[in-house]
Protein backbone atom coordinates (compact mmCIF):
# COMPACT_ATOMS: atom_id res chain seq x y z
CA MET A 1 0.00 0.00 0.00
CA GLY A 2 1.37 3.39 -0.94
CA PRO A 3 1.16 6.72 0.85
CA ILE A 4 -2.26 8.35 1.24
CA ASN A 5 -2.82 12.04 0.38
CA TRP A 6 0.92 12.58 0.17
CA GLN A 7 1.37 15.06 -2.67
CA ASP A 8 0.25 16.03 -6.19
CA LEU A 9 1.86 15.33 -9.55
CA TYR A 10 4.11 12.36 -8.77
CA GLY A 11 4.63 8.74 -9.71
CA GLN A 12 5.71 5.75 -7.68
CA ARG A 13 6.75 2.18 -8.29
CA PHE A 14 6.70 -0.69 -5.80
CA ARG A 15 8.68 -3.84 -6.62
CA ALA A 16 9.11 -6.99 -4.57
CA TYR A 17 9.34 -10.75 -4.68
CA LEU A 18 6.00 -12.31 -3.79
CA CYS A 19 5.99 -15.56 -1.79
CA PRO A 20 2.51 -17.10 -1.93
CA PRO A 21 1.76 -19.13 1.19
CA ARG A 22 -0.06 -21.98 -0.60
CA THR A 23 -0.11 -23.55 -4.05
CA GLY A 24 -3.22 -22.68 -6.03
CA TYR A 25 -5.03 -20.05 -8.05
CA TYR A 26 -4.73 -16.41 -7.01
CA THR A 27 -6.48 -13.30 -8.30
CA PHE A 28 -4.78 -9.93 -7.90
CA TRP A 29 -6.49 -6.55 -7.53
CA ILE A 30 -5.34 -2.93 -7.72
CA LEU A 31 -7.01 0.32 -6.64
CA SER A 32 -5.64 3.82 -6.96
CA ASP A 33 -6.10 7.54 -7.45
CA ASP A 34 -5.17 8.26 -10.22
CA ASP A 35 -4.11 5.51 -12.68
CA SER A 36 -2.04 2.40 -11.95
CA ASN A 37 -0.71 -0.82 -13.46
CA LEU A 38 0.02 -4.19 -11.83
CA TYR A 39 2.59 -6.65 -13.19
CA ILE A 40 3.74 -10.14 -12.20
CA SER A 41 6.34 -12.53 -13.59
CA PRO A 42 5.91 -16.30 -13.92
CA ASP A 43 9.18 -16.51 -11.98
CA ASP A 44 11.54 -14.17 -10.11
CA ASN A 45 12.85 -12.43 -13.24
CA PRO A 46 11.60 -8.83 -13.73
CA ALA A 47 12.24 -9.14 -17.48
CA THR A 48 9.45 -11.74 -17.81
CA ARG A 49 6.75 -9.63 -16.15
CA SER A 50 3.42 -8.92 -17.82
CA ARG A 51 0.58 -6.59 -16.96
CA ILE A 52 -2.24 -8.43 -15.20
CA ALA A 53 -4.46 -5.57 -13.99
CA PHE A 54 -4.80 -1.79 -14.28
CA ALA A 55 -6.89 1.24 -13.40
CA SER A 56 -7.08 3.90 -16.10
CA SER A 57 -8.35 6.52 -13.65
CA ASN A 58 -9.41 7.00 -10.03
CA THR A 59 -11.07 3.86 -8.67
CA GLY A 60 -12.30 5.34 -5.42
CA PRO A 61 -11.66 3.08 -2.43
CA SER A 62 -13.15 0.10 -4.30
CA TRP A 63 -11.60 -3.05 -5.75
CA THR A 64 -14.44 -3.33 -8.29
CA THR A 65 -14.86 0.07 -10.00
CA PHE A 66 -13.44 -1.24 -13.29
CA ASP A 67 -13.27 -4.80 -14.67
CA SER A 68 -9.60 -4.19 -15.46
CA GLN A 69 -8.74 -3.83 -11.76
CA HIS A 70 -8.42 -7.58 -11.26
CA SER A 71 -6.33 -10.22 -12.93
CA PRO A 72 -7.49 -13.54 -14.28
CA GLU A 73 -6.77 -16.44 -11.92
CA ILE A 74 -3.03 -17.13 -11.86
CA TYR A 75 -1.60 -20.46 -10.69
CA LEU A 76 1.25 -19.94 -8.21
CA GLU A 77 3.31 -22.46 -6.27
CA GLY A 78 3.43 -21.95 -2.53
CA GLY A 79 6.81 -20.74 -1.29
CA ARG A 80 8.15 -20.04 -4.79
CA ARG A 81 9.38 -16.51 -5.47
CA TYR A 82 7.60 -14.31 -8.08
CA PHE A 83 8.50 -10.77 -9.14
CA ILE A 84 5.58 -8.33 -8.64
CA GLU A 85 5.42 -4.62 -9.47
CA SER A 86 2.87 -1.83 -9.24
CA VAL A 87 3.22 1.54 -10.96
CA HIS A 88 1.05 4.49 -9.88
CA ARG A 89 0.64 8.01 -11.29
CA GLU A 90 -0.97 10.78 -9.24
CA GLY A 91 -2.39 13.97 -10.71
CA TRP A 92 -4.28 16.30 -8.40
CA GLY A 93 -6.22 15.82 -5.17
CA SER A 94 -6.44 12.64 -3.16
CA ASP A 95 -3.89 9.93 -3.80
CA TYR A 96 -3.49 6.28 -2.83
CA MET A 97 -2.62 2.91 -4.30
CA ALA A 98 -3.07 -0.62 -2.94
CA VAL A 99 -2.59 -4.15 -4.26
CA GLY A 100 -4.75 -6.98 -2.96
CA TRP A 101 -5.23 -10.66 -3.61
CA THR A 102 -7.55 -13.58 -3.12
CA GLY A 103 -6.52 -17.21 -3.23
CA PRO A 104 -6.38 -20.56 -1.42
CA PHE A 105 -7.64 -20.38 2.19
CA MET A 106 -8.40 -16.64 1.81
CA ASN A 107 -11.61 -14.65 2.03
CA ALA A 108 -13.40 -13.96 -1.25
CA THR A 109 -12.94 -10.22 -0.59
CA PRO A 110 -9.52 -8.94 -1.73
CA GLN A 111 -7.06 -8.30 1.09
CA VAL A 112 -4.03 -6.03 0.80
CA ILE A 113 -0.95 -8.24 0.39
CA GLU A 114 0.73 -8.39 3.78
CA GLN A 115 4.42 -7.65 4.24
CA GLN A 116 5.13 -11.20 5.42
CA TYR A 117 4.56 -12.42 1.85
CA LEU A 118 6.91 -9.87 0.24
CA ILE A 119 10.69 -9.75 -0.02
CA PRO A 120 12.11 -6.35 -1.01
CA TYR A 121 13.45 -6.19 -4.56
CA THR A 122 16.75 -4.41 -5.01
CA PRO A 123 18.12 -4.14 -8.55
CA VAL A 124 21.73 -5.23 -8.64
CA ALA A 125 24.06 -3.77 -11.25
CA THR A 126 26.93 -6.22 -11.01
CA ALA A 127 28.53 -9.00 -13.02
CA THR A 128 28.92 -11.06 -9.83
CA PRO A 129 26.17 -13.66 -9.32
CA VAL A 130 23.79 -12.69 -6.55
CA THR A 131 21.95 -15.07 -4.24
CA LEU A 132 18.32 -13.99 -3.98
CA PRO A 133 16.38 -14.25 -0.70
CA ARG A 134 14.32 -17.42 -0.28
CA CYS A 135 10.69 -17.92 0.65
CA ASP A 136 11.32 -20.59 3.30
CA LEU A 137 9.23 -21.04 6.43
CA LEU A 138 6.44 -18.64 5.64
CA GLN A 139 3.82 -18.31 8.33
CA THR A 140 0.24 -18.79 7.19
CA ARG A 141 -2.81 -18.31 9.40
CA VAL A 142 -5.84 -20.47 8.55
CA ASN A 143 -8.81 -20.56 10.94
CA ASN A 144 -6.64 -19.01 13.67
CA GLN A 145 -4.04 -21.79 13.33
CA ILE A 146 -0.48 -20.92 12.24
CA TYR A 147 1.13 -23.22 9.66
CA LEU A 148 4.74 -23.16 8.55
CA GLN A 149 5.50 -24.09 4.98
CA ASP A 150 9.07 -25.27 4.42
CA ASN A 151 9.91 -25.06 0.73
CA SER A 152 13.63 -25.73 0.91
């Protein structure tokens, strides 16, 4: 989730590795004031990303203002790392941006993606191979029970 009522005439980009807690089909949602785009990769490579949802103008605080605000169902493997990116442009007045999801063991109402499922993305400009963070031992809460998923 981005800043709320921060400023006018700016743009922002959020990038991270997404670690889904369970294997299954997920739907992603975006809301914003003003326009925004949501991208995901089928892996952890930013170069393979594709746009899955967008808002061409202010959505209000609703996940369902435009049909384009949600993705089709996307099959993700639990504990695998996926590159995700949102891009937001603010004109005048109120401003906000949020990315939500629905999926296995989740409510049908989109929920903002929690920090525990995101690993910060830092572009590395080096010829030296870099070891990326892993998605091991994610905590998942289902019916008030905490499950650990070890994907090592």
